[in-house]
Protein backbone atom coordinates (compact mmCIF):
# COMPACT_ATOMS: atom_id res chain seq x y z
CA UNK A 1 141.55 104.52 21.88
CA UNK A 2 141.22 101.05 20.35
CA UNK A 3 138.88 101.31 17.35
CA UNK A 4 137.65 98.15 15.63
CA UNK A 5 137.98 97.82 11.86
CA UNK A 6 135.11 99.43 9.96
CA UNK A 7 133.74 96.11 8.72
CA UNK A 8 133.56 94.77 12.29
CA UNK A 9 131.69 97.88 13.42
CA UNK A 10 129.26 97.53 10.51
CA UNK A 11 128.50 93.97 11.64
CA UNK A 12 128.26 95.09 15.28
CA UNK A 13 125.49 97.56 14.34
CA UNK A 14 123.17 94.57 13.85
CA UNK A 15 123.64 93.05 17.31
CA UNK A 16 120.14 94.24 18.35
CA UNK A 17 118.55 92.14 15.59
CA UNK A 18 117.09 95.23 13.94
CA UNK A 19 116.70 95.43 10.16
CA UNK A 20 118.99 98.19 8.82
CA UNK A 21 120.11 99.72 5.54
CA UNK A 22 123.51 101.22 4.70
CA UNK A 23 122.49 104.77 5.60
CA UNK A 24 121.17 103.70 9.02
CA UNK A 25 124.38 101.81 9.80
CA UNK A 26 126.48 104.76 8.62
CA UNK A 27 124.55 107.12 10.94
CA UNK A 28 125.33 104.79 13.89
CA UNK A 29 129.07 104.57 13.27
CA UNK A 30 130.06 107.84 11.56
CA UNK A 31 131.08 109.59 14.78
CA UNK A 32 133.60 106.84 15.54
CA UNK A 33 135.26 107.25 12.14
CA UNK A 34 134.69 110.99 11.68
CA UNK A 35 138.27 111.66 10.52
CA UNK A 36 138.39 108.73 8.09
CA UNK A 37 137.66 109.38 4.39
CA UNK A 38 136.82 105.74 3.75
CA UNK A 39 133.81 105.83 6.12
CA UNK A 40 130.90 106.59 3.80
CA UNK A 41 127.47 105.24 2.97
CA UNK A 42 128.85 103.56 -0.16
CA UNK A 43 131.67 101.86 1.78
CA UNK A 44 129.16 100.65 4.38
CA UNK A 45 126.93 99.33 1.55
CA UNK A 46 129.90 97.38 0.16
CA UNK A 47 130.60 95.89 3.59
CA UNK A 48 126.94 94.91 3.96
CA UNK A 49 127.07 93.03 0.65
CA UNK A 50 130.28 91.32 1.74
CA UNK A 51 128.80 90.31 5.10
CA UNK A 52 125.75 88.94 3.30
CA UNK A 53 127.97 86.92 0.94
CA UNK A 54 129.61 85.10 3.87
CA UNK A 55 126.32 84.46 5.69
CA UNK A 56 126.65 86.94 8.56
CA UNK A 57 123.74 89.04 7.28
CA UNK A 58 120.56 88.16 5.42
CA UNK A 59 118.74 90.52 3.10
CA UNK A 60 115.53 91.55 4.83
CA UNK A 61 113.74 93.37 2.04
CA UNK A 62 114.18 96.42 -0.11
CA UNK A 63 112.45 99.65 -1.07
CA UNK A 64 112.78 102.61 -3.41
CA UNK A 65 114.03 105.78 -1.74
CA UNK A 66 112.95 109.31 -2.66
CA UNK A 67 115.46 109.37 -5.55
CA UNK A 68 113.96 106.08 -6.85
CA UNK A 69 117.12 104.17 -5.97
CA UNK A 70 116.75 100.61 -4.70
CA UNK A 71 117.77 100.32 -1.04
CA UNK A 72 118.37 96.92 0.57
CA UNK A 73 117.77 96.24 4.25
CA UNK A 74 119.67 93.57 6.15
CA UNK A 75 119.26 91.60 9.38
CA UNK A 76 121.86 89.52 11.20
CA UNK A 77 121.68 85.74 10.84
CA UNK A 78 122.02 83.21 13.64
CA UNK A 79 125.46 82.39 12.27
CA UNK A 80 126.31 86.10 12.34
CA UNK A 81 125.26 86.46 15.97
CA UNK A 82 127.58 83.62 16.87
CA UNK A 83 130.46 85.29 15.05
CA UNK A 84 129.78 88.66 16.72
CA UNK A 85 130.15 87.08 20.15
CA UNK A 86 133.73 86.21 19.18
CA UNK A 87 134.63 89.79 18.19
């Protein structure tokens, strides 16, 4: 089975245009990487920040979760959609 790199799959989760946070993305991809230790909510959060830094994602708001931690939500940019078509 040919599995894409984790960062590519994180970006691919946004192809629908939906606004997502790290936990939501992790829930979508965790079954693909079930045997990989590096697939975690914190790793996904790091990839989201990285994808935002290069313009593939835009921050789409934030909220406080039940533990009072700040959670950022992201949405794919037009530039990001163009890049995803090449993957």
